[in-house]
Amino acid sequence: MDSKKIGSFIAKRRKALGMTQLELANKLNITDRAISKWENGRGLPDISLIKPLCDQLDITVNDLLSGEKLQESQIEAKSEENIINTLQLSNKKQKSYKKIIVAAILLTFLPIIILFSFFCIDIYRMKNNQSVFFSTWGYSYVPPIDLNSEKIEIAVEKFVTDINDLDYTHYDNEKYFSASHIYLIEETKAKQEYNVYAWILCKSYYTDENGVVKEGSGFSCPYKFIVKRNDEIYSVADAITPRDGSYYPKDMKRIFPYYVRLEMDEVHETGTYERVELEITERVNEYFNIS
C-alpha cells in the first residue's frame, strides 16, 4: 500500500472539491495536522476514518486504497489487491503493537530484576562475610572482624588520655579521663590495620587545696582512629577529628561513612553521651576514692 500515492490522491480530491485541510479536518472531527500528515505520505487514515473520508472526497474505498480514481475494468483486480494490502498492513500493525507491549513489559520489570539481582549478590556476600556492594535495602553491612574490640577501645581511650595528660594539664594532680562509644571497626587494605569510628568524651579532674575533687576542662567529639595490631597489642597510629566551625559538616562527610554520621548525629537523643559520661564518673570515683 503506497502511502505517498494515497496522500497525493487525497490532496488532489480535496483541492478538486475546493476544500482546505482545515475544512476537511472539521468535517472528520480531527485536526488539520492529521490531514497534512496523510497528504505528505507520512501516515494513513485510521480504519474508522476511511469510510467518512471517502464520503467527503466523493470516492470509493477502493479508490482511496488504490490512490487513484478507478475505472470499472480495474475495480475487481484492485479490490483483491487492496484486500491483500489491507491484511498485510493490519498484520504489520499487530506486530508493531506486540513489540511495543513487550518493550513496555521489559521496561517495567527490568529495574525490578536488576534490583533483585543486586540484592541477591549482597545476600551472597553477607553469607560469606564480605562487604556489600549495592546496599539495596538502604544501609551497609561490614563483615565481622576477628579481633578483641575491648582491647581496641582501651587503646583509643588510652591514646586520648595520654595526649591530654601530657599537653593540657594545669594542676599538679590534674588527671584526664576518657570514655568512648565505638560505632564501627573496619579492616583496611593494609594488613593488621583498622579504621575505628568512635565518639570520645574526655574530661579532666583535680583536687583543690581542701581535697575537694573539681572538674577541669574537657571535650566531646567524633574521632576516626587508625589502629594497628602487632601480635595481640593494639596501638593508635593516627587520630582524625573534624575541624570546628564551617569546616565541621564538610569534614564529617569526608571522614565518616554515611550511616556512622547518622548515628553520631543522635549521640544525645540515643543516650550515648550519657553512658560515656557515666563511665567517666565511675572511673573518677575509683581514682579519687570517692564512695
Foldseek 3Di string as FASTA:
>chain_A
DQQQLLLCLLVVLCVVVPHDLQRLCVQQVHHSVVNVCSNNSNDDDDPVCQVVSCVVSVADSLCSLVSHHDDPVCRVVSVVVSVVVVVVVVVVVVVVVVVVVVVVVCVVCVVVVVLVVLVVQQVVCVVVQHWRDPPSVPDTDHGDDPADVVLVQVQVQCVVQVVCVVPPDDDPFKGKGKGKDWDDWHDDPDPQKIKIKIKMKMWIWGADPVRDIDTDDIDIFIKIFIWGDDPRHIHTPDIDGFDDDPRRVVVCPVRDDPVVVVVVVCCPVVCVVVVRVVVRVVVVCVVSVPD
